Amino acid sequence: MNNFSFPELIFSAALVLIFSAYIGLPLLLRLIFPQKMWVGILLSLFFIPFGQLYISGGMYWFLGLGLLEILAATFKSGLFFSLLAFLASPVIMYFRMAKENERVSPRSSGTPIAENRGHAGD
């Protein structure tokens, strides 16, 4: 059947836990601290491709930055691609958060907000 030894199983389980934490942390922080710029920037710095999952619709950015990281690991002089991903990730997160906050924030329509219209004699 399977010829897995105990250390290989432990190593595989550790890899699954680490990968789950990398994916789960941005998704969990999205629920705990929704739309916080500082959380998004920190996640994009420390978890370079995975931090983009903090905002919904981040899969394309995750794949693009992941590709840069794969290129950095593939080539001998991959420092350029790694540095590019490191610098691009927080910049992308900043512009995505600014666009998201602009879309979510209420816009004033020019009409005054209705005050309490209750009448004392009703």
PDB file of N, CA and C in Angstrom:
ATOM      1  N   MET A   1       0.838  -1.175   0.000  1.00  0.00           N
ATOM      2  CA  MET A   1       0.000   0.000   0.000  1.00  0.00           C
ATOM      3  C   MET A   1       0.887   1.243   0.000  1.00  0.00           C
ATOM      4  N   ASN A   2       0.679   2.112   0.969  1.00  0.00           N
ATOM      5  CA  ASN A   2       1.466   3.341   1.053  1.00  0.00           C
ATOM      6  C   ASN A   2       2.690   3.102   1.920  1.00  0.00           C
ATOM      7  N   ASN A   3       3.810   3.555   1.457  1.00  0.00           N
ATOM      8  CA  ASN A   3       5.054   3.400   2.211  1.00  0.00           C
ATOM      9  C   ASN A   3       5.473   4.721   2.827  1.00  0.00           C
ATOM     10  N   PHE A   4       4.547   5.366   3.529  1.00  0.00           N
ATOM     11  CA  PHE A   4       4.867   6.618   4.195  1.00  0.00           C
ATOM     12  C   PHE A   4       5.363   6.319   5.591  1.00  0.00           C
ATOM     13  N   SER A   5       6.458   6.941   5.949  1.00  0.00           N
ATOM     14  CA  SER A   5       6.957   6.787   7.311  1.00  0.00           C
ATOM     15  C   SER A   5       6.351   7.888   8.182  1.00  0.00           C
ATOM     16  N   PHE A   6       6.526   7.744   9.456  1.00  0.00           N
ATOM     17  CA  PHE A   6       5.952   8.690  10.407  1.00  0.00           C
ATOM     18  C   PHE A   6       6.490  10.112  10.206  1.00  0.00           C
ATOM     19  N   PRO A   7       7.795  10.324  10.025  1.00  0.00           N
ATOM     20  CA  PRO A   7       8.276  11.695   9.792  1.00  0.00           C
ATOM     21  C   PRO A   7       7.700  12.333   8.524  1.00  0.00           C
ATOM     22  N   GLU A   8       7.490  11.531   7.484  1.00  0.00           N
ATOM     23  CA  GLU A   8       6.899  12.079   6.273  1.00  0.00           C
ATOM     24  C   GLU A   8       5.463  12.514   6.511  1.00  0.00           C
ATOM     25  N   LEU A   9       4.728  11.757   7.297  1.00  0.00           N
ATOM     26  CA  LEU A   9       3.348  12.137   7.623  1.00  0.00           C
ATOM     27  C   LEU A   9       3.319  13.416   8.461  1.00  0.00           C
ATOM     28  N   ILE A  10       4.223  13.533   9.424  1.00  0.00           N
ATOM     29  CA  ILE A  10       4.300  14.734  10.258  1.00  0.00           C
ATOM     30  C   ILE A  10       4.650  15.947   9.401  1.00  0.00           C
ATOM     31  N   PHE A  11       5.615  15.775   8.501  1.00  0.00           N
ATOM     32  CA  PHE A  11       6.019  16.866   7.619  1.00  0.00           C
ATOM     33  C   PHE A  11       4.874  17.280   6.700  1.00  0.00           C
ATOM     34  N   SER A  12       4.156  16.321   6.157  1.00  0.00           N
ATOM     35  CA  SER A  12       3.015  16.621   5.291  1.00  0.00           C
ATOM     36  C   SER A  12       1.908  17.336   6.058  1.00  0.00           C
ATOM     37  N   ALA A  13       1.640  16.884   7.274  1.00  0.00           N
ATOM     38  CA  ALA A  13       0.619  17.529   8.102  1.00  0.00           C
ATOM     39  C   ALA A  13       1.035  18.961   8.447  1.00  0.00           C
ATOM     40  N   ALA A  14       2.313  19.175   8.719  1.00  0.00           N
ATOM     41  CA  ALA A  14       2.799  20.523   9.018  1.00  0.00           C
ATOM     42  C   ALA A  14       2.642  21.434   7.802  1.00  0.00           C
ATOM     43  N   LEU A  15       2.936  20.915   6.617  1.00  0.00           N
ATOM     44  CA  LEU A  15       2.769  21.718   5.404  1.00  0.00           C
ATOM     45  C   LEU A  15       1.313  22.097   5.180  1.00  0.00           C
ATOM     46  N   VAL A  16       0.412  21.164   5.423  1.00  0.00           N
ATOM     47  CA  VAL A  16      -1.021  21.447   5.263  1.00  0.00           C
ATOM     48  C   VAL A  16      -1.467  22.499   6.274  1.00  0.00           C
ATOM     49  N   LEU A  17      -0.987  22.408   7.515  1.00  0.00           N
ATOM     50  CA  LEU A  17      -1.354  23.392   8.535  1.00  0.00           C
ATOM     51  C   LEU A  17      -0.810  24.775   8.203  1.00  0.00           C
ATOM     52  N   ILE A  18       0.421  24.837   7.737  1.00  0.00           N
ATOM     53  CA  ILE A  18       1.017  26.129   7.385  1.00  0.00           C
ATOM     54  C   ILE A  18       0.280  26.742   6.206  1.00  0.00           C
ATOM     55  N   PHE A  19       0.003  25.949   5.190  1.00  0.00           N
ATOM     56  CA  PHE A  19      -0.718  26.447   4.025  1.00  0.00           C
ATOM     57  C   PHE A  19      -2.123  26.903   4.417  1.00  0.00           C
ATOM     58  N   SER A  20      -2.772  26.162   5.297  1.00  0.00           N
ATOM     59  CA  SER A  20      -4.105  26.550   5.764  1.00  0.00           C
ATOM     60  C   SER A  20      -4.060  27.863   6.543  1.00  0.00           C
ATOM     61  N   ALA A  21      -3.007  28.052   7.326  1.00  0.00           N
ATOM     62  CA  ALA A  21      -2.865  29.300   8.073  1.00  0.00           C
ATOM     63  C   ALA A  21      -2.633  30.476   7.127  1.00  0.00           C
ATOM     64  N   TYR A  22      -1.841  30.271   6.092  1.00  0.00           N
ATOM     65  CA  TYR A  22      -1.581  31.336   5.128  1.00  0.00           C
ATOM     66  C   TYR A  22      -2.865  31.751   4.404  1.00  0.00           C
ATOM     67  N   ILE A  23      -3.722  30.805   4.117  1.00  0.00           N
ATOM     68  CA  ILE A  23      -4.989  31.133   3.452  1.00  0.00           C
ATOM     69  C   ILE A  23      -6.021  31.611   4.465  1.00  0.00           C
ATOM     70  N   GLY A  24      -6.061  30.975   5.627  1.00  0.00           N
ATOM     71  CA  GLY A  24      -7.091  31.266   6.620  1.00  0.00           C
ATOM     72  C   GLY A  24      -6.932  32.597   7.318  1.00  0.00           C
ATOM     73  N   LEU A  25      -5.686  33.034   7.535  1.00  0.00           N
ATOM     74  CA  LEU A  25      -5.483  34.281   8.280  1.00  0.00           C
ATOM     75  C   LEU A  25      -6.069  35.494   7.561  1.00  0.00           C
ATOM     76  N   PRO A  26      -5.804  35.697   6.267  1.00  0.00           N
ATOM     77  CA  PRO A  26      -6.469  36.842   5.611  1.00  0.00           C
ATOM     78  C   PRO A  26      -7.992  36.735   5.591  1.00  0.00           C
ATOM     79  N   LEU A  27      -8.497  35.529   5.425  1.00  0.00           N
ATOM     80  CA  LEU A  27      -9.953  35.360   5.404  1.00  0.00           C
ATOM     81  C   LEU A  27     -10.560  35.602   6.786  1.00  0.00           C
ATOM     82  N   LEU A  28      -9.872  35.180   7.839  1.00  0.00           N
ATOM     83  CA  LEU A  28     -10.347  35.404   9.200  1.00  0.00           C
ATOM     84  C   LEU A  28     -10.276  36.882   9.567  1.00  0.00           C
ATOM     85  N   LEU A  29      -9.165  37.528   9.216  1.00  0.00           N
ATOM     86  CA  LEU A  29      -9.038  38.952   9.524  1.00  0.00           C
ATOM     87  C   LEU A  29     -10.011  39.801   8.710  1.00  0.00           C
ATOM     88  N   ARG A  30     -10.443  39.291   7.565  1.00  0.00           N
ATOM     89  CA  ARG A  30     -11.478  39.985   6.786  1.00  0.00           C
ATOM     90  C   ARG A  30     -12.768  40.056   7.589  1.00  0.00           C
ATOM     91  N   LEU A  31     -13.052  39.021   8.380  1.00  0.00           N
ATOM     92  CA  LEU A  31     -14.265  39.010   9.202  1.00  0.00           C
ATOM     93  C   LEU A  31     -14.102  39.824  10.477  1.00  0.00           C
ATOM     94  N   ILE A  32     -12.916  39.761  11.093  1.00  0.00           N
ATOM     95  CA  ILE A  32     -12.693  40.444  12.372  1.00  0.00           C
ATOM     96  C   ILE A  32     -12.480  41.943  12.173  1.00  0.00           C
ATOM     97  N   PHE A  33     -11.624  42.312  11.228  1.00  0.00           N
ATOM     98  CA  PHE A  33     -11.314  43.716  10.940  1.00  0.00           C
ATOM     99  C   PHE A  33     -11.670  44.028   9.488  1.00  0.00           C
ATOM    100  N   PRO A  34     -12.939  44.200   9.173  1.00  0.00           N
ATOM    101  CA  PRO A  34     -13.289  44.437   7.760  1.00  0.00           C
ATOM    102  C   PRO A  34     -12.856  45.825   7.287  1.00  0.00           C
ATOM    103  N   GLN A  35     -12.278  45.866   6.094  1.00  0.00           N
ATOM    104  CA  GLN A  35     -11.917  47.109   5.400  1.00  0.00           C
ATOM    105  C   GLN A  35     -10.981  48.013   6.192  1.00  0.00           C
ATOM    106  N   LYS A  36     -10.019  47.451   6.901  1.00  0.00           N
ATOM    107  CA  LYS A  36      -9.013  48.242   7.613  1.00  0.00           C
ATOM    108  C   LYS A  36      -7.769  48.312   6.751  1.00  0.00           C
ATOM    109  N   MET A  37      -7.351  49.527   6.427  1.00  0.00           N
ATOM    110  CA  MET A  37      -6.211  49.721   5.534  1.00  0.00           C
ATOM    111  C   MET A  37      -4.941  49.125   6.131  1.00  0.00           C
ATOM    112  N   TRP A  38      -4.700  49.340   7.422  1.00  0.00           N
ATOM    113  CA  TRP A  38      -3.458  48.876   8.029  1.00  0.00           C
ATOM    114  C   TRP A  38      -3.381  47.353   8.056  1.00  0.00           C
ATOM    115  N   VAL A  39      -4.501  46.690   8.228  1.00  0.00           N
ATOM    116  CA  VAL A  39      -4.504  45.221   8.212  1.00  0.00           C
ATOM    117  C   VAL A  39      -4.177  44.717   6.810  1.00  0.00           C
ATOM    118  N   GLY A  40      -4.776  45.330   5.803  1.00  0.00           N
ATOM    119  CA  GLY A  40      -4.514  44.929   4.426  1.00  0.00           C
ATOM    120  C   GLY A  40      -3.063  45.133   4.024  1.00  0.00           C
ATOM    121  N   ILE A  41      -2.480  46.261   4.434  1.00  0.00           N
ATOM    122  CA  ILE A  41      -1.086  46.543   4.087  1.00  0.00           C
ATOM    123  C   ILE A  41      -0.154  45.566   4.802  1.00  0.00           C
ATOM    124  N   LEU A  42      -0.398  45.308   6.080  1.00  0.00           N
ATOM    125  CA  LEU A  42       0.461  44.360   6.811  1.00  0.00           C
ATOM    126  C   LEU A  42       0.355  42.949   6.251  1.00  0.00           C
ATOM    127  N   LEU A  43      -0.849  42.534   5.922  1.00  0.00           N
ATOM    128  CA  LEU A  43      -1.014  41.206   5.325  1.00  0.00           C
ATOM    129  C   LEU A  43      -0.309  41.110   3.976  1.00  0.00           C
ATOM    130  N   SER A  44      -0.375  42.179   3.198  1.00  0.00           N
ATOM    131  CA  SER A  44       0.270  42.138   1.893  1.00  0.00           C
ATOM    132  C   SER A  44       1.788  42.183   2.001  1.00  0.00           C
ATOM    133  N   LEU A  45       2.314  42.707   3.100  1.00  0.00           N
ATOM    134  CA  LEU A  45       3.768  42.699   3.303  1.00  0.00           C
ATOM    135  C   LEU A  45       4.273  41.357   3.817  1.00  0.00           C
ATOM    136  N   PHE A  46       3.582  40.795   4.791  1.00  0.00           N
ATOM    137  CA  PHE A  46       4.084  39.583   5.436  1.00  0.00           C
ATOM    138  C   PHE A  46       3.673  38.301   4.714  1.00  0.00           C
ATOM    139  N   PHE A  47       2.537  38.299   4.066  1.00  0.00           N
ATOM    140  CA  PHE A  47       2.059  37.128   3.336  1.00  0.00           C
ATOM    141  C   PHE A  47       1.856  37.546   1.885  1.00  0.00           C
ATOM    142  N   ILE A  48       2.940  37.690   1.150  1.00  0.00           N
ATOM    143  CA  ILE A  48       2.928  38.421  -0.120  1.00  0.00           C
ATOM    144  C   ILE A  48       1.788  38.023  -1.047  1.00  0.00           C
ATOM    145  N   PRO A  49       1.677  36.847  -1.571  1.00  0.00           N
ATOM    146  CA  PRO A  49       0.509  36.669  -2.439  1.00  0.00           C
ATOM    147  C   PRO A  49      -0.780  36.451  -1.652  1.00  0.00           C
ATOM    148  N   PHE A  50      -0.683  35.838  -0.469  1.00  0.00           N
ATOM    149  CA  PHE A  50      -1.883  35.465   0.280  1.00  0.00           C
ATOM    150  C   PHE A  50      -2.585  36.664   0.909  1.00  0.00           C
ATOM    151  N   GLY A  51      -1.872  37.747   1.149  1.00  0.00           N
ATOM    152  CA  GLY A  51      -2.480  38.934   1.737  1.00  0.00           C
ATOM    153  C   GLY A  51      -3.535  39.557   0.859  1.00  0.00           C
ATOM    154  N   GLN A  52      -3.480  39.301  -0.446  1.00  0.00           N
ATOM    155  CA  GLN A  52      -4.460  39.874  -1.366  1.00  0.00           C
ATOM    156  C   GLN A  52      -5.845  39.262  -1.171  1.00  0.00           C
ATOM    157  N   LEU A  53      -5.930  38.156  -0.454  1.00  0.00           N
ATOM    158  CA  LEU A  53      -7.224  37.518  -0.200  1.00  0.00           C
ATOM    159  C   LEU A  53      -8.021  38.245   0.881  1.00  0.00           C
ATOM    160  N   TYR A  54      -7.420  39.267   1.515  1.00  0.00           N
ATOM    161  CA  TYR A  54      -8.105  40.029   2.556  1.00  0.00           C
ATOM    162  C   TYR A  54      -9.326  40.754   1.997  1.00  0.00           C
ATOM    163  N   ILE A  55      -9.230  41.222   0.760  1.00  0.00           N
ATOM    164  CA  ILE A  55     -10.351  41.883   0.106  1.00  0.00           C
ATOM    165  C   ILE A  55     -10.956  40.897  -0.889  1.00  0.00           C
ATOM    166  N   SER A  56     -12.266  40.877  -0.972  1.00  0.00           N
ATOM    167  CA  SER A  56     -12.892  39.957  -1.912  1.00  0.00           C
ATOM    168  C   SER A  56     -12.476  40.313  -3.338  1.00  0.00           C
ATOM    169  N   GLY A  57     -12.358  39.304  -4.161  1.00  0.00           N
ATOM    170  CA  GLY A  57     -11.914  39.504  -5.535  1.00  0.00           C
ATOM    171  C   GLY A  57     -10.406  39.528  -5.671  1.00  0.00           C
ATOM    172  N   GLY A  58      -9.699  39.006  -4.705  1.00  0.00           N
ATOM    173  CA  GLY A  58      -8.250  39.068  -4.724  1.00  0.00           C
ATOM    174  C   GLY A  58      -7.571  37.886  -5.373  1.00  0.00           C
ATOM    175  N   MET A  59      -8.339  36.965  -5.938  1.00  0.00           N
ATOM    176  CA  MET A  59      -7.736  35.761  -6.508  1.00  0.00           C
ATOM    177  C   MET A  59      -6.834  36.088  -7.696  1.00  0.00           C
ATOM    178  N   TYR A  60      -7.232  37.033  -8.540  1.00  0.00           N
ATOM    179  CA  TYR A  60      -6.387  37.397  -9.683  1.00  0.00           C
ATOM    180  C   TYR A  60      -5.070  38.007  -9.220  1.00  0.00           C
ATOM    181  N   TRP A  61      -5.144  38.856  -8.209  1.00  0.00           N
ATOM    182  CA  TRP A  61      -3.925  39.461  -7.680  1.00  0.00           C
ATOM    183  C   TRP A  61      -3.067  38.410  -6.981  1.00  0.00           C
ATOM    184  N   PHE A  62      -3.709  37.473  -6.301  1.00  0.00           N
ATOM    185  CA  PHE A  62      -2.990  36.372  -5.658  1.00  0.00           C
ATOM    186  C   PHE A  62      -2.228  35.560  -6.702  1.00  0.00           C
ATOM    187  N   LEU A  63      -2.892  35.247  -7.808  1.00  0.00           N
ATOM    188  CA  LEU A  63      -2.240  34.463  -8.860  1.00  0.00           C
ATOM    189  C   LEU A  63      -1.099  35.233  -9.522  1.00  0.00           C
ATOM    190  N   GLY A  64      -1.296  36.511  -9.764  1.00  0.00           N
ATOM    191  CA  GLY A  64      -0.247  37.321 -10.377  1.00  0.00           C
ATOM    192  C   GLY A  64       0.987  37.454  -9.500  1.00  0.00           C
ATOM    193  N   LEU A  65       0.779  37.747  -8.222  1.00  0.00           N
ATOM    194  CA  LEU A  65       1.920  37.861  -7.310  1.00  0.00           C
ATOM    195  C   LEU A  65       2.540  36.496  -7.032  1.00  0.00           C
ATOM    196  N   GLY A  66       1.710  35.464  -7.018  1.00  0.00           N
ATOM    197  CA  GLY A  66       2.251  34.117  -6.880  1.00  0.00           C
ATOM    198  C   GLY A  66       3.133  33.738  -8.051  1.00  0.00           C
ATOM    199  N   LEU A  67       2.750  34.165  -9.248  1.00  0.00           N
ATOM    200  CA  LEU A  67       3.577  33.929 -10.427  1.00  0.00           C
ATOM    201  C   LEU A  67       4.925  34.638 -10.303  1.00  0.00           C
ATOM    202  N   LEU A  68       4.915  35.858  -9.787  1.00  0.00           N
ATOM    203  CA  LEU A  68       6.187  36.557  -9.566  1.00  0.00           C
ATOM    204  C   LEU A  68       7.071  35.802  -8.568  1.00  0.00           C
ATOM    205  N   GLU A  69       6.464  35.263  -7.537  1.00  0.00           N
ATOM    206  CA  GLU A  69       7.232  34.500  -6.550  1.00  0.00           C
ATOM    207  C   GLU A  69       7.768  33.198  -7.149  1.00  0.00           C
ATOM    208  N   ILE A  70       6.993  32.570  -8.012  1.00  0.00           N
ATOM    209  CA  ILE A  70       7.465  31.354  -8.684  1.00  0.00           C
ATOM    210  C   ILE A  70       8.626  31.688  -9.609  1.00  0.00           C
ATOM    211  N   LEU A  71       8.528  32.808 -10.323  1.00  0.00           N
ATOM    212  CA  LEU A  71       9.641  33.238 -11.166  1.00  0.00           C
ATOM    213  C   LEU A  71      10.885  33.540 -10.333  1.00  0.00           C
ATOM    214  N   ALA A  72      10.677  34.118  -9.154  1.00  0.00           N
ATOM    215  CA  ALA A  72      11.816  34.410  -8.277  1.00  0.00           C
ATOM    216  C   ALA A  72      12.486  33.134  -7.808  1.00  0.00           C
ATOM    217  N   ALA A  73      11.702  32.098  -7.570  1.00  0.00           N
ATOM    218  CA  ALA A  73      12.281  30.836  -7.118  1.00  0.00           C
ATOM    219  C   ALA A  73      12.888  30.044  -8.268  1.00  0.00           C
ATOM    220  N   THR A  74      12.441  30.305  -9.492  1.00  0.00           N
ATOM    221  CA  THR A  74      12.901  29.537 -10.641  1.00  0.00           C
ATOM    222  C   THR A  74      14.260  30.000 -11.144  1.00  0.00           C
ATOM    223  N   PHE A  75      14.429  31.297 -11.263  1.00  0.00           N
ATOM    224  CA  PHE A  75      15.660  31.826 -11.838  1.00  0.00           C
ATOM    225  C   PHE A  75      16.732  32.016 -10.781  1.00  0.00           C
ATOM    226  N   LYS A  76      17.989  31.918 -11.226  1.00  0.00           N
ATOM    227  CA  LYS A  76      19.103  32.114 -10.304  1.00  0.00           C
ATOM    228  C   LYS A  76      19.097  33.520  -9.718  1.00  0.00           C
ATOM    229  N   SER A  77      18.924  34.494 -10.585  1.00  0.00           N
ATOM    230  CA  SER A  77      18.896  35.882 -10.116  1.00  0.00           C
ATOM    231  C   SER A  77      17.444  36.312  -9.916  1.00  0.00           C
ATOM    232  N   GLY A  78      16.723  35.575  -9.120  1.00  0.00           N
ATOM    233  CA  GLY A  78      15.311  35.842  -8.885  1.00  0.00           C
ATOM    234  C   GLY A  78      15.066  36.955  -7.894  1.00  0.00           C
ATOM    235  N   LEU A  79      16.131  37.594  -7.442  1.00  0.00           N
ATOM    236  CA  LEU A  79      15.977  38.679  -6.484  1.00  0.00           C
ATOM    237  C   LEU A  79      15.132  39.809  -7.072  1.00  0.00           C
ATOM    238  N   PHE A  80      15.263  40.056  -8.364  1.00  0.00           N
ATOM    239  CA  PHE A  80      14.479  41.108  -9.015  1.00  0.00           C
ATOM    240  C   PHE A  80      12.985  40.815  -8.908  1.00  0.00           C
ATOM    241  N   PHE A  81      12.584  39.591  -9.220  1.00  0.00           N
ATOM    242  CA  PHE A  81      11.160  39.236  -9.169  1.00  0.00           C
ATOM    243  C   PHE A  81      10.644  39.228  -7.732  1.00  0.00           C
ATOM    244  N   SER A  82      11.470  38.770  -6.813  1.00  0.00           N
ATOM    245  CA  SER A  82      11.074  38.751  -5.410  1.00  0.00           C
ATOM    246  C   SER A  82      10.912  40.171  -4.882  1.00  0.00           C
ATOM    247  N   LEU A  83      11.846  41.043  -5.229  1.00  0.00           N
ATOM    248  CA  LEU A  83      11.757  42.434  -4.805  1.00  0.00           C
ATOM    249  C   LEU A  83      10.554  43.121  -5.459  1.00  0.00           C
ATOM    250  N   LEU A  84      10.305  42.798  -6.709  1.00  0.00           N
ATOM    251  CA  LEU A  84       9.146  43.361  -7.402  1.00  0.00           C
ATOM    252  C   LEU A  84       7.842  42.940  -6.720  1.00  0.00           C
ATOM    253  N   ALA A  85       7.736  41.681  -6.351  1.00  0.00           N
ATOM    254  CA  ALA A  85       6.531  41.199  -5.661  1.00  0.00           C
ATOM    255  C   ALA A  85       6.409  41.839  -4.282  1.00  0.00           C
ATOM    256  N   PHE A  86       7.535  41.996  -3.588  1.00  0.00           N
ATOM    257  CA  PHE A  86       7.529  42.587  -2.253  1.00  0.00           C
ATOM    258  C   PHE A  86       7.080  44.044  -2.297  1.00  0.00           C
ATOM    259  N   LEU A  87       7.495  44.769  -3.314  1.00  0.00           N
ATOM    260  CA  LEU A  87       7.103  46.170  -3.433  1.00  0.00           C
ATOM    261  C   LEU A  87       5.709  46.334  -4.038  1.00  0.00           C
ATOM    262  N   ALA A  88       5.354  45.462  -4.955  1.00  0.00           N
ATOM    263  CA  ALA A  88       4.070  45.594  -5.636  1.00  0.00           C
ATOM    264  C   ALA A  88       2.890  45.197  -4.755  1.00  0.00           C
ATOM    265  N   SER A  89       3.084  44.249  -3.871  1.00  0.00           N
ATOM    266  CA  SER A  89       1.969  43.745  -3.073  1.00  0.00           C
ATOM    267  C   SER A  89       1.315  44.820  -2.203  1.00  0.00           C
ATOM    268  N   PRO A  90       2.064  45.592  -1.400  1.00  0.00           N
ATOM    269  CA  PRO A  90       1.378  46.630  -0.613  1.00  0.00           C
ATOM    270  C   PRO A  90       0.814  47.762  -1.467  1.00  0.00           C
ATOM    271  N   VAL A  91       1.467  48.065  -2.593  1.00  0.00           N
ATOM    272  CA  VAL A  91       0.945  49.117  -3.473  1.00  0.00           C
ATOM    273  C   VAL A  91      -0.378  48.673  -4.087  1.00  0.00           C
ATOM    274  N   ILE A  92      -0.421  47.434  -4.536  1.00  0.00           N
ATOM    275  CA  ILE A  92      -1.668  46.894  -5.088  1.00  0.00           C
ATOM    276  C   ILE A  92      -2.757  46.894  -4.024  1.00  0.00           C
ATOM    277  N   MET A  93      -2.401  46.475  -2.811  1.00  0.00           N
ATOM    278  CA  MET A  93      -3.383  46.441  -1.725  1.00  0.00           C
ATOM    279  C   MET A  93      -3.894  47.845  -1.407  1.00  0.00           C
ATOM    280  N   TYR A  94      -3.003  48.829  -1.414  1.00  0.00           N
ATOM    281  CA  TYR A  94      -3.423  50.198  -1.127  1.00  0.00           C
ATOM    282  C   TYR A  94      -4.439  50.687  -2.154  1.00  0.00           C
ATOM    283  N   PHE A  95      -4.138  50.492  -3.437  1.00  0.00           N
ATOM    284  CA  PHE A  95      -5.059  50.963  -4.472  1.00  0.00           C
ATOM    285  C   PHE A  95      -6.357  50.163  -4.487  1.00  0.00           C
ATOM    286  N   ARG A  96      -6.286  48.885  -4.187  1.00  0.00           N
ATOM    287  CA  ARG A  96      -7.513  48.090  -4.116  1.00  0.00           C
ATOM    288  C   ARG A  96      -8.380  48.538  -2.944  1.00  0.00           C
ATOM    289  N   MET A  97      -7.741  48.821  -1.795  1.00  0.00           N
ATOM    290  CA  MET A  97      -8.497  49.276  -0.618  1.00  0.00           C
ATOM    291  C   MET A  97      -9.086  50.662  -0.869  1.00  0.00           C
ATOM    292  N   ALA A  98      -8.319  51.542  -1.514  1.00  0.00           N
ATOM    293  CA  ALA A  98      -8.839  52.880  -1.805  1.00  0.00           C
ATOM    294  C   ALA A  98     -10.036  52.796  -2.745  1.00  0.00           C
ATOM    295  N   LYS A  99      -9.950  51.932  -3.749  1.00  0.00           N
ATOM    296  CA  LYS A  99     -11.061  51.761  -4.678  1.00  0.00           C
ATOM    297  C   LYS A  99     -12.272  51.150  -3.973  1.00  0.00           C
ATOM    298  N   GLU A 100     -12.031  50.183  -3.108  1.00  0.00           N
ATOM    299  CA  GLU A 100     -13.119  49.535  -2.364  1.00  0.00           C
ATOM    300  C   GLU A 100     -13.781  50.517  -1.401  1.00  0.00           C
ATOM    301  N   ASN A 101     -12.980  51.331  -0.709  1.00  0.00           N
ATOM    302  CA  ASN A 101     -13.540  52.311   0.218  1.00  0.00           C
ATOM    303  C   ASN A 101     -14.315  53.387  -0.522  1.00  0.00           C
ATOM    304  N   GLU A 102     -13.856  53.751  -1.710  1.00  0.00           N
ATOM    305  CA  GLU A 102     -14.581  54.732  -2.515  1.00  0.00           C
ATOM    306  C   GLU A 102     -15.923  54.176  -2.962  1.00  0.00           C
ATOM    307  N   ARG A 103     -15.938  52.899  -3.295  1.00  0.00           N
ATOM    308  CA  ARG A 103     -17.167  52.261  -3.750  1.00  0.00           C
ATOM    309  C   ARG A 103     -18.156  52.074  -2.611  1.00  0.00           C
ATOM    310  N   VAL A 104     -17.661  51.790  -1.400  1.00  0.00           N
ATOM    311  CA  VAL A 104     -18.526  51.486  -0.264  1.00  0.00           C
ATOM    312  C   VAL A 104     -19.005  52.739   0.441  1.00  0.00           C
ATOM    313  N   SER A 105     -18.183  53.795   0.460  1.00  0.00           N
ATOM    314  CA  SER A 105     -18.532  54.976   1.249  1.00  0.00           C
ATOM    315  C   SER A 105     -19.779  55.650   0.690  1.00  0.00           C
ATOM    316  N   PRO A 106     -20.610  56.136   1.582  1.00  0.00           N
ATOM    317  CA  PRO A 106     -21.830  56.806   1.112  1.00  0.00           C
ATOM    318  C   PRO A 106     -21.484  58.148   0.481  1.00  0.00           C
ATOM    319  N   ARG A 107     -22.159  58.445  -0.566  1.00  0.00           N
ATOM    320  CA  ARG A 107     -21.941  59.721  -1.247  1.00  0.00           C
ATOM    321  C   ARG A 107     -23.091  60.653  -0.874  1.00  0.00           C
ATOM    322  N   SER A 108     -22.766  61.890  -0.724  1.00  0.00           N
ATOM    323  CA  SER A 108     -23.825  62.837  -0.383  1.00  0.00           C
ATOM    324  C   SER A 108     -24.587  63.196  -1.648  1.00  0.00           C
ATOM    325  N   SER A 109     -25.865  63.161  -1.569  1.00  0.00           N
ATOM    326  CA  SER A 109     -26.689  63.421  -2.740  1.00  0.00           C
ATOM    327  C   SER A 109     -27.116  64.876  -2.826  1.00  0.00           C
ATOM    328  N   GLY A 110     -26.677  65.671  -1.870  1.00  0.00           N
ATOM    329  CA  GLY A 110     -27.053  67.076  -1.903  1.00  0.00           C
ATOM    330  C   GLY A 110     -28.353  67.361  -1.177  1.00  0.00           C
ATOM    331  N   THR A 111     -29.048  66.352  -0.733  1.00  0.00           N
ATOM    332  CA  THR A 111     -30.287  66.564   0.000  1.00  0.00           C
ATOM    333  C   THR A 111     -29.998  66.495   1.485  1.00  0.00           C
ATOM    334  N   PRO A 112     -30.648  67.329   2.261  1.00  0.00           N
ATOM    335  CA  PRO A 112     -30.393  67.304   3.706  1.00  0.00           C
ATOM    336  C   PRO A 112     -30.924  66.018   4.329  1.00  0.00           C
ATOM    337  N   ILE A 113     -30.239  65.588   5.358  1.00  0.00           N
ATOM    338  CA  ILE A 113     -30.661  64.388   6.088  1.00  0.00           C
ATOM    339  C   ILE A 113     -31.885  64.733   6.920  1.00  0.00           C
ATOM    340  N   ALA A 114     -32.886  63.905   6.865  1.00  0.00           N
ATOM    341  CA  ALA A 114     -34.114  64.144   7.602  1.00  0.00           C
ATOM    342  C   ALA A 114     -33.848  63.994   9.096  1.00  0.00           C
ATOM    343  N   GLU A 115     -34.199  65.011   9.839  1.00  0.00           N
ATOM    344  CA  GLU A 115     -34.042  64.979  11.289  1.00  0.00           C
ATOM    345  C   GLU A 115     -35.192  64.169  11.895  1.00  0.00           C
ATOM    346  N   ASN A 116     -35.204  64.095  13.171  1.00  0.00           N
ATOM    347  CA  ASN A 116     -36.274  63.396  13.868  1.00  0.00           C
ATOM    348  C   ASN A 116     -37.590  64.110  13.574  1.00  0.00           C
ATOM    349  N   ARG A 117     -38.494  63.450  12.908  1.00  0.00           N
ATOM    350  CA  ARG A 117     -39.740  64.069  12.488  1.00  0.00           C
ATOM    351  C   ARG A 117     -40.895  63.740  13.424  1.00  0.00           C
ATOM    352  N   GLY A 118     -40.592  63.252  14.575  1.00  0.00           N
ATOM    353  CA  GLY A 118     -41.667  62.936  15.507  1.00  0.00           C
ATOM    354  C   GLY A 118     -42.397  64.181  15.991  1.00  0.00           C
ATOM    355  N   HIS A 119     -43.675  64.063  16.170  1.00  0.00           N
ATOM    356  CA  HIS A 119     -44.475  65.180  16.659  1.00  0.00           C
ATOM    357  C   HIS A 119     -44.893  64.878  18.084  1.00  0.00           C
ATOM    358  N   ALA A 120     -44.867  65.904  18.898  1.00  0.00           N
ATOM    359  CA  ALA A 120     -45.180  65.724  20.323  1.00  0.00           C
ATOM    360  C   ALA A 120     -46.657  65.400  20.536  1.00  0.00           C
ATOM    361  N   GLY A 121     -47.538  65.868  19.689  1.00  0.00           N
ATOM    362  CA  GLY A 121     -48.966  65.706  19.914  1.00  0.00           C
ATOM    363  C   GLY A 121     -49.556  64.450  19.282  1.00  0.00           C
ATOM    364  N   ASP A 122     -48.768  63.558  18.684  1.00  0.00           N
ATOM    365  CA  ASP A 122     -49.328  62.387  17.996  1.00  0.00           C
ATOM    366  C   ASP A 122     -49.739  61.336  18.926  1.00  0.00           C
TER     367      ASP A 122
END
